[in-house]
Amino acid sequence: MELWQVLLKNATEEREGEGGVEIDTEKLFEKECYKVLERIRAILNNDSLTDSECFEKIESVVCLFEEIGSDGGSRHDFG
């Protein structure tokens, strides 16, 4: 699932019991945190990095993505 889909799904679920509260997707997607998350995601998708060079950093970032319900991509198949 794309990151924007995860963020929209989470925002929708958070408002589920509020009687159809409108979500301002423009604000949701324009937040600086989203831009930073996209940059982190690009790092995770960079197959030129070796796991031995950045394993711990990648593991920490992947765990953060998993906490919000996104996947870790191809970088989290260690087990």
PDB file of N, CA and C in Angstrom:
ATOM      1  N   MET A   1       0.845  -1.173   0.000  1.00  0.00           N
ATOM      2  CA  MET A   1       0.000   0.000   0.000  1.00  0.00           C
ATOM      3  C   MET A   1       0.894   1.242   0.000  1.00  0.00           C
ATOM      4  N   GLU A   2       0.566   2.210  -0.823  1.00  0.00           N
ATOM      5  CA  GLU A   2       1.330   3.450  -0.877  1.00  0.00           C
ATOM      6  C   GLU A   2       1.188   4.208   0.438  1.00  0.00           C
ATOM      7  N   LEU A   3       2.193   5.008   0.763  1.00  0.00           N
ATOM      8  CA  LEU A   3       2.189   5.750   2.019  1.00  0.00           C
ATOM      9  C   LEU A   3       0.982   6.675   2.130  1.00  0.00           C
ATOM     10  N   TRP A   4       0.613   7.354   1.055  1.00  0.00           N
ATOM     11  CA  TRP A   4      -0.536   8.255   1.122  1.00  0.00           C
ATOM     12  C   TRP A   4      -1.812   7.481   1.431  1.00  0.00           C
ATOM     13  N   GLN A   5      -1.912   6.259   0.935  1.00  0.00           N
ATOM     14  CA  GLN A   5      -3.080   5.428   1.214  1.00  0.00           C
ATOM     15  C   GLN A   5      -3.124   5.035   2.693  1.00  0.00           C
ATOM     16  N   VAL A   6      -1.949   4.717   3.253  1.00  0.00           N
ATOM     17  CA  VAL A   6      -1.871   4.367   4.674  1.00  0.00           C
ATOM     18  C   VAL A   6      -2.291   5.557   5.527  1.00  0.00           C
ATOM     19  N   LEU A   7      -1.769   6.754   5.208  1.00  0.00           N
ATOM     20  CA  LEU A   7      -2.115   7.943   5.984  1.00  0.00           C
ATOM     21  C   LEU A   7      -3.602   8.257   5.891  1.00  0.00           C
ATOM     22  N   LEU A   8      -4.178   8.150   4.697  1.00  0.00           N
ATOM     23  CA  LEU A   8      -5.607   8.408   4.524  1.00  0.00           C
ATOM     24  C   LEU A   8      -6.443   7.365   5.254  1.00  0.00           C
ATOM     25  N   LYS A   9      -6.040   6.110   5.168  1.00  0.00           N
ATOM     26  CA  LYS A   9      -6.758   5.034   5.870  1.00  0.00           C
ATOM     27  C   LYS A   9      -6.726   5.270   7.378  1.00  0.00           C
ATOM     28  N   ASN A  10      -5.546   5.614   7.913  1.00  0.00           N
ATOM     29  CA  ASN A  10      -5.432   5.870   9.349  1.00  0.00           C
ATOM     30  C   ASN A  10      -6.279   7.060   9.771  1.00  0.00           C
ATOM     31  N   ALA A  11      -6.268   8.128   8.973  1.00  0.00           N
ATOM     32  CA  ALA A  11      -7.061   9.320   9.297  1.00  0.00           C
ATOM     33  C   ALA A  11      -8.552   9.003   9.260  1.00  0.00           C
ATOM     34  N   THR A  12      -8.969   8.189   8.308  1.00  0.00           N
ATOM     35  CA  THR A  12     -10.370   7.791   8.200  1.00  0.00           C
ATOM     36  C   THR A  12     -10.791   6.949   9.401  1.00  0.00           C
ATOM     37  N   GLU A  13      -9.954   5.993   9.770  1.00  0.00           N
ATOM     38  CA  GLU A  13     -10.258   5.133  10.914  1.00  0.00           C
ATOM     39  C   GLU A  13     -10.323   5.924  12.210  1.00  0.00           C
ATOM     40  N   GLU A  14      -9.456   6.929  12.359  1.00  0.00           N
ATOM     41  CA  GLU A  14      -9.468   7.751  13.563  1.00  0.00           C
ATOM     42  C   GLU A  14     -10.770   8.526  13.703  1.00  0.00           C
ATOM     43  N   ARG A  15     -11.411   8.863  12.587  1.00  0.00           N
ATOM     44  CA  ARG A  15     -12.627   9.661  12.595  1.00  0.00           C
ATOM     45  C   ARG A  15     -13.890   8.828  12.410  1.00  0.00           C
ATOM     46  N   GLU A  16     -13.744   7.523  12.383  1.00  0.00           N
ATOM     47  CA  GLU A  16     -14.839   6.612  12.069  1.00  0.00           C
ATOM     48  C   GLU A  16     -16.100   6.848  12.901  1.00  0.00           C
ATOM     49  N   GLY A  17     -15.958   7.044  14.190  1.00  0.00           N
ATOM     50  CA  GLY A  17     -17.116   7.210  15.057  1.00  0.00           C
ATOM     51  C   GLY A  17     -17.608   8.632  15.173  1.00  0.00           C
ATOM     52  N   GLU A  18     -17.094   9.538  14.353  1.00  0.00           N
ATOM     53  CA  GLU A  18     -17.428  10.948  14.469  1.00  0.00           C
ATOM     54  C   GLU A  18     -18.501  11.397  13.481  1.00  0.00           C
ATOM     55  N   GLY A  19     -19.203  10.482  12.873  1.00  0.00           N
ATOM     56  CA  GLY A  19     -20.308  10.842  12.001  1.00  0.00           C
ATOM     57  C   GLY A  19     -19.922  11.486  10.685  1.00  0.00           C
ATOM     58  N   GLY A  20     -18.956  10.951  10.022  1.00  0.00           N
ATOM     59  CA  GLY A  20     -18.594  11.436   8.695  1.00  0.00           C
ATOM     60  C   GLY A  20     -17.853  12.760   8.674  1.00  0.00           C
ATOM     61  N   VAL A  21     -16.967  12.973   9.612  1.00  0.00           N
ATOM     62  CA  VAL A  21     -16.171  14.191   9.631  1.00  0.00           C
ATOM     63  C   VAL A  21     -15.294  14.231   8.386  1.00  0.00           C
ATOM     64  N   GLU A  22     -15.298  15.381   7.719  1.00  0.00           N
ATOM     65  CA  GLU A  22     -14.522  15.536   6.494  1.00  0.00           C
ATOM     66  C   GLU A  22     -13.028  15.597   6.789  1.00  0.00           C
ATOM     67  N   ILE A  23     -12.259  14.963   5.937  1.00  0.00           N
ATOM     68  CA  ILE A  23     -10.799  14.975   6.066  1.00  0.00           C
ATOM     69  C   ILE A  23     -10.244  15.913   5.007  1.00  0.00           C
ATOM     70  N   ASP A  24      -9.469  16.875   5.436  1.00  0.00           N
ATOM     71  CA  ASP A  24      -8.828  17.794   4.505  1.00  0.00           C
ATOM     72  C   ASP A  24      -7.555  17.120   3.998  1.00  0.00           C
ATOM     73  N   THR A  25      -7.689  16.404   2.903  1.00  0.00           N
ATOM     74  CA  THR A  25      -6.561  15.629   2.386  1.00  0.00           C
ATOM     75  C   THR A  25      -5.421  16.531   1.927  1.00  0.00           C
ATOM     76  N   GLU A  26      -5.754  17.715   1.448  1.00  0.00           N
ATOM     77  CA  GLU A  26      -4.688  18.626   1.022  1.00  0.00           C
ATOM     78  C   GLU A  26      -3.775  18.958   2.187  1.00  0.00           C
ATOM     79  N   LYS A  27      -4.357  19.282   3.327  1.00  0.00           N
ATOM     80  CA  LYS A  27      -3.546  19.569   4.514  1.00  0.00           C
ATOM     81  C   LYS A  27      -2.815  18.318   4.979  1.00  0.00           C
ATOM     82  N   LEU A  28      -3.506  17.195   4.945  1.00  0.00           N
ATOM     83  CA  LEU A  28      -2.913  15.942   5.394  1.00  0.00           C
ATOM     84  C   LEU A  28      -1.656  15.615   4.605  1.00  0.00           C
ATOM     85  N   PHE A  29      -1.719  15.767   3.287  1.00  0.00           N
ATOM     86  CA  PHE A  29      -0.607  15.381   2.432  1.00  0.00           C
ATOM     87  C   PHE A  29       0.456  16.461   2.271  1.00  0.00           C
ATOM     88  N   GLU A  30       0.127  17.686   2.612  1.00  0.00           N
ATOM     89  CA  GLU A  30       1.086  18.767   2.457  1.00  0.00           C
ATOM     90  C   GLU A  30       1.919  18.999   3.711  1.00  0.00           C
ATOM     91  N   LYS A  31       1.608  18.340   4.763  1.00  0.00           N
ATOM     92  CA  LYS A  31       2.370  18.509   6.001  1.00  0.00           C
ATOM     93  C   LYS A  31       3.830  18.134   5.780  1.00  0.00           C
ATOM     94  N   GLU A  32       4.681  18.836   6.451  1.00  0.00           N
ATOM     95  CA  GLU A  32       6.121  18.583   6.307  1.00  0.00           C
ATOM     96  C   GLU A  32       6.486  17.155   6.713  1.00  0.00           C
ATOM     97  N   CYS A  33       5.799  16.617   7.691  1.00  0.00           N
ATOM     98  CA  CYS A  33       6.105  15.251   8.119  1.00  0.00           C
ATOM     99  C   CYS A  33       5.900  14.252   6.988  1.00  0.00           C
ATOM    100  N   TYR A  34       4.907  14.475   6.154  1.00  0.00           N
ATOM    101  CA  TYR A  34       4.681  13.574   5.031  1.00  0.00           C
ATOM    102  C   TYR A  34       5.845  13.642   4.048  1.00  0.00           C
ATOM    103  N   LYS A  35       6.318  14.850   3.785  1.00  0.00           N
ATOM    104  CA  LYS A  35       7.447  15.006   2.875  1.00  0.00           C
ATOM    105  C   LYS A  35       8.683  14.286   3.408  1.00  0.00           C
ATOM    106  N   VAL A  36       8.899  14.389   4.702  1.00  0.00           N
ATOM    107  CA  VAL A  36      10.049  13.721   5.316  1.00  0.00           C
ATOM    108  C   VAL A  36       9.876  12.203   5.236  1.00  0.00           C
ATOM    109  N   LEU A  37       8.678  11.729   5.491  1.00  0.00           N
ATOM    110  CA  LEU A  37       8.428  10.289   5.401  1.00  0.00           C
ATOM    111  C   LEU A  37       8.674   9.777   3.979  1.00  0.00           C
ATOM    112  N   GLU A  38       8.306  10.553   2.982  1.00  0.00           N
ATOM    113  CA  GLU A  38       8.566  10.149   1.610  1.00  0.00           C
ATOM    114  C   GLU A  38      10.068  10.058   1.342  1.00  0.00           C
ATOM    115  N   ARG A  39      10.844  10.964   1.904  1.00  0.00           N
ATOM    116  CA  ARG A  39      12.296  10.912   1.726  1.00  0.00           C
ATOM    117  C   ARG A  39      12.871   9.666   2.406  1.00  0.00           C
ATOM    118  N   ILE A  40      12.366   9.334   3.590  1.00  0.00           N
ATOM    119  CA  ILE A  40      12.815   8.124   4.286  1.00  0.00           C
ATOM    120  C   ILE A  40      12.456   6.896   3.449  1.00  0.00           C
ATOM    121  N   ARG A  41      11.247   6.903   2.911  1.00  0.00           N
ATOM    122  CA  ARG A  41      10.792   5.779   2.088  1.00  0.00           C
ATOM    123  C   ARG A  41      11.718   5.592   0.886  1.00  0.00           C
ATOM    124  N   ALA A  42      12.165   6.707   0.290  1.00  0.00           N
ATOM    125  CA  ALA A  42      13.084   6.636  -0.848  1.00  0.00           C
ATOM    126  C   ALA A  42      14.399   5.979  -0.438  1.00  0.00           C
ATOM    127  N   ILE A  43      14.863   6.266   0.767  1.00  0.00           N
ATOM    128  CA  ILE A  43      16.084   5.627   1.270  1.00  0.00           C
ATOM    129  C   ILE A  43      15.870   4.125   1.394  1.00  0.00           C
ATOM    130  N   LEU A  44      14.727   3.725   1.937  1.00  0.00           N
ATOM    131  CA  LEU A  44      14.429   2.303   2.091  1.00  0.00           C
ATOM    132  C   LEU A  44      14.366   1.594   0.738  1.00  0.00           C
ATOM    133  N   ASN A  45      13.904   2.304  -0.268  1.00  0.00           N
ATOM    134  CA  ASN A  45      13.772   1.707  -1.599  1.00  0.00           C
ATOM    135  C   ASN A  45      15.054   1.774  -2.419  1.00  0.00           C
ATOM    136  N   ASN A  46      16.112   2.357  -1.866  1.00  0.00           N
ATOM    137  CA  ASN A  46      17.388   2.487  -2.568  1.00  0.00           C
ATOM    138  C   ASN A  46      18.169   1.175  -2.434  1.00  0.00           C
ATOM    139  N   ASP A  47      18.115   0.373  -3.463  1.00  0.00           N
ATOM    140  CA  ASP A  47      18.772  -0.929  -3.424  1.00  0.00           C
ATOM    141  C   ASP A  47      20.286  -0.858  -3.580  1.00  0.00           C
ATOM    142  N   SER A  48      20.831   0.339  -3.811  1.00  0.00           N
ATOM    143  CA  SER A  48      22.286   0.455  -3.925  1.00  0.00           C
ATOM    144  C   SER A  48      22.959   0.440  -2.554  1.00  0.00           C
ATOM    145  N   LEU A  49      22.211   0.700  -1.480  1.00  0.00           N
ATOM    146  CA  LEU A  49      22.780   0.631  -0.136  1.00  0.00           C
ATOM    147  C   LEU A  49      22.859  -0.825   0.297  1.00  0.00           C
ATOM    148  N   THR A  50      23.941  -1.183   0.966  1.00  0.00           N
ATOM    149  CA  THR A  50      24.040  -2.548   1.463  1.00  0.00           C
ATOM    150  C   THR A  50      23.533  -2.600   2.893  1.00  0.00           C
ATOM    151  N   ASP A  51      22.967  -3.726   3.256  1.00  0.00           N
ATOM    152  CA  ASP A  51      22.451  -3.882   4.611  1.00  0.00           C
ATOM    153  C   ASP A  51      23.561  -3.777   5.651  1.00  0.00           C
ATOM    154  N   SER A  52      24.756  -4.231   5.300  1.00  0.00           N
ATOM    155  CA  SER A  52      25.857  -4.157   6.269  1.00  0.00           C
ATOM    156  C   SER A  52      26.237  -2.711   6.569  1.00  0.00           C
ATOM    157  N   GLU A  53      26.036  -1.798   5.638  1.00  0.00           N
ATOM    158  CA  GLU A  53      26.363  -0.387   5.845  1.00  0.00           C
ATOM    159  C   GLU A  53      25.332   0.346   6.705  1.00  0.00           C
ATOM    160  N   CYS A  54      24.088  -0.072   6.627  1.00  0.00           N
ATOM    161  CA  CYS A  54      23.036   0.712   7.288  1.00  0.00           C
ATOM    162  C   CYS A  54      21.949  -0.135   7.951  1.00  0.00           C
ATOM    163  N   PHE A  55      22.252  -1.349   8.351  1.00  0.00           N
ATOM    164  CA  PHE A  55      21.251  -2.259   8.903  1.00  0.00           C
ATOM    165  C   PHE A  55      20.468  -1.650  10.067  1.00  0.00           C
ATOM    166  N   GLU A  56      21.149  -1.120  11.062  1.00  0.00           N
ATOM    167  CA  GLU A  56      20.465  -0.602  12.249  1.00  0.00           C
ATOM    168  C   GLU A  56      19.550   0.572  11.926  1.00  0.00           C
ATOM    169  N   LYS A  57      20.018   1.475  11.070  1.00  0.00           N
ATOM    170  CA  LYS A  57      19.192   2.623  10.696  1.00  0.00           C
ATOM    171  C   LYS A  57      17.965   2.181   9.917  1.00  0.00           C
ATOM    172  N   ILE A  58      18.181   1.272   8.983  1.00  0.00           N
ATOM    173  CA  ILE A  58      17.057   0.762   8.199  1.00  0.00           C
ATOM    174  C   ILE A  58      16.060   0.047   9.105  1.00  0.00           C
ATOM    175  N   GLU A  59      16.543  -0.764  10.009  1.00  0.00           N
ATOM    176  CA  GLU A  59      15.657  -1.498  10.922  1.00  0.00           C
ATOM    177  C   GLU A  59      14.801  -0.539  11.738  1.00  0.00           C
ATOM    178  N   SER A  60      15.390   0.529  12.249  1.00  0.00           N
ATOM    179  CA  SER A  60      14.645   1.516  13.042  1.00  0.00           C
ATOM    180  C   SER A  60      13.571   2.205  12.202  1.00  0.00           C
ATOM    181  N   VAL A  61      13.923   2.574  10.991  1.00  0.00           N
ATOM    182  CA  VAL A  61      12.970   3.252  10.121  1.00  0.00           C
ATOM    183  C   VAL A  61      11.850   2.301   9.706  1.00  0.00           C
ATOM    184  N   VAL A  62      12.192   1.074   9.362  1.00  0.00           N
ATOM    185  CA  VAL A  62      11.184   0.090   8.977  1.00  0.00           C
ATOM    186  C   VAL A  62      10.202  -0.148  10.119  1.00  0.00           C
ATOM    187  N   CYS A  63      10.702  -0.244  11.320  1.00  0.00           N
ATOM    188  CA  CYS A  63       9.825  -0.445  12.482  1.00  0.00           C
ATOM    189  C   CYS A  63       8.857   0.720  12.663  1.00  0.00           C
ATOM    190  N   LEU A  64       9.307   1.938  12.388  1.00  0.00           N
ATOM    191  CA  LEU A  64       8.411   3.095  12.459  1.00  0.00           C
ATOM    192  C   LEU A  64       7.297   2.982  11.426  1.00  0.00           C
ATOM    193  N   PHE A  65       7.639   2.578  10.205  1.00  0.00           N
ATOM    194  CA  PHE A  65       6.613   2.396   9.185  1.00  0.00           C
ATOM    195  C   PHE A  65       5.622   1.311   9.604  1.00  0.00           C
ATOM    196  N   GLU A  66       6.118   0.230  10.153  1.00  0.00           N
ATOM    197  CA  GLU A  66       5.232  -0.855  10.582  1.00  0.00           C
ATOM    198  C   GLU A  66       4.308  -0.410  11.710  1.00  0.00           C
ATOM    199  N   GLU A  67       4.773   0.477  12.570  1.00  0.00           N
ATOM    200  CA  GLU A  67       3.941   0.994  13.662  1.00  0.00           C
ATOM    201  C   GLU A  67       2.728   1.753  13.138  1.00  0.00           C
ATOM    202  N   ILE A  68       2.849   2.401  11.974  1.00  0.00           N
ATOM    203  CA  ILE A  68       1.714   3.141  11.433  1.00  0.00           C
ATOM    204  C   ILE A  68       0.893   2.299  10.458  1.00  0.00           C
ATOM    205  N   GLY A  69       1.264   1.036  10.292  1.00  0.00           N
ATOM    206  CA  GLY A  69       0.481   0.137   9.455  1.00  0.00           C
ATOM    207  C   GLY A  69       0.963   0.020   8.022  1.00  0.00           C
ATOM    208  N   SER A  70       2.125   0.593   7.722  1.00  0.00           N
ATOM    209  CA  SER A  70       2.699   0.464   6.382  1.00  0.00           C
ATOM    210  C   SER A  70       3.662  -0.721   6.393  1.00  0.00           C
ATOM    211  N   ASP A  71       4.103  -1.116   5.213  1.00  0.00           N
ATOM    212  CA  ASP A  71       5.033  -2.236   5.198  1.00  0.00           C
ATOM    213  C   ASP A  71       6.472  -1.743   5.146  1.00  0.00           C
ATOM    214  N   GLY A  72       7.381  -2.654   5.348  1.00  0.00           N
ATOM    215  CA  GLY A  72       8.788  -2.312   5.333  1.00  0.00           C
ATOM    216  C   GLY A  72       9.442  -2.497   3.985  1.00  0.00           C
ATOM    217  N   GLY A  73       8.672  -2.839   2.994  1.00  0.00           N
ATOM    218  CA  GLY A  73       9.219  -3.031   1.658  1.00  0.00           C
ATOM    219  C   GLY A  73      10.171  -4.227   1.608  1.00  0.00           C
ATOM    220  N   SER A  74      11.021  -4.219   0.626  1.00  0.00           N
ATOM    221  CA  SER A  74      11.920  -5.356   0.418  1.00  0.00           C
ATOM    222  C   SER A  74      13.067  -5.378   1.428  1.00  0.00           C
ATOM    223  N   ARG A  75      13.175  -4.354   2.273  1.00  0.00           N
ATOM    224  CA  ARG A  75      14.272  -4.258   3.220  1.00  0.00           C
ATOM    225  C   ARG A  75      13.988  -4.942   4.543  1.00  0.00           C
ATOM    226  N   HIS A  76      12.846  -5.572   4.688  1.00  0.00           N
ATOM    227  CA  HIS A  76      12.547  -6.163   5.987  1.00  0.00           C
ATOM    228  C   HIS A  76      12.189  -7.632   5.861  1.00  0.00           C
ATOM    229  N   ASP A  77      12.997  -8.336   5.144  1.00  0.00           N
ATOM    230  CA  ASP A  77      12.797  -9.771   4.985  1.00  0.00           C
ATOM    231  C   ASP A  77      13.969 -10.526   5.630  1.00  0.00           C
ATOM    232  N   PHE A  78      14.358 -10.082   6.831  1.00  0.00           N
ATOM    233  CA  PHE A  78      15.538 -10.615   7.481  1.00  0.00           C
ATOM    234  C   PHE A  78      15.298 -11.930   8.209  1.00  0.00           C
ATOM    235  N   GLY A  79      14.073 -12.348   8.349  1.00  0.00           N
ATOM    236  CA  GLY A  79      13.859 -13.528   9.158  1.00  0.00           C
ATOM    237  C   GLY A  79      13.104 -14.526   8.470  1.00  0.00           C
TER     238      GLY A  79
END
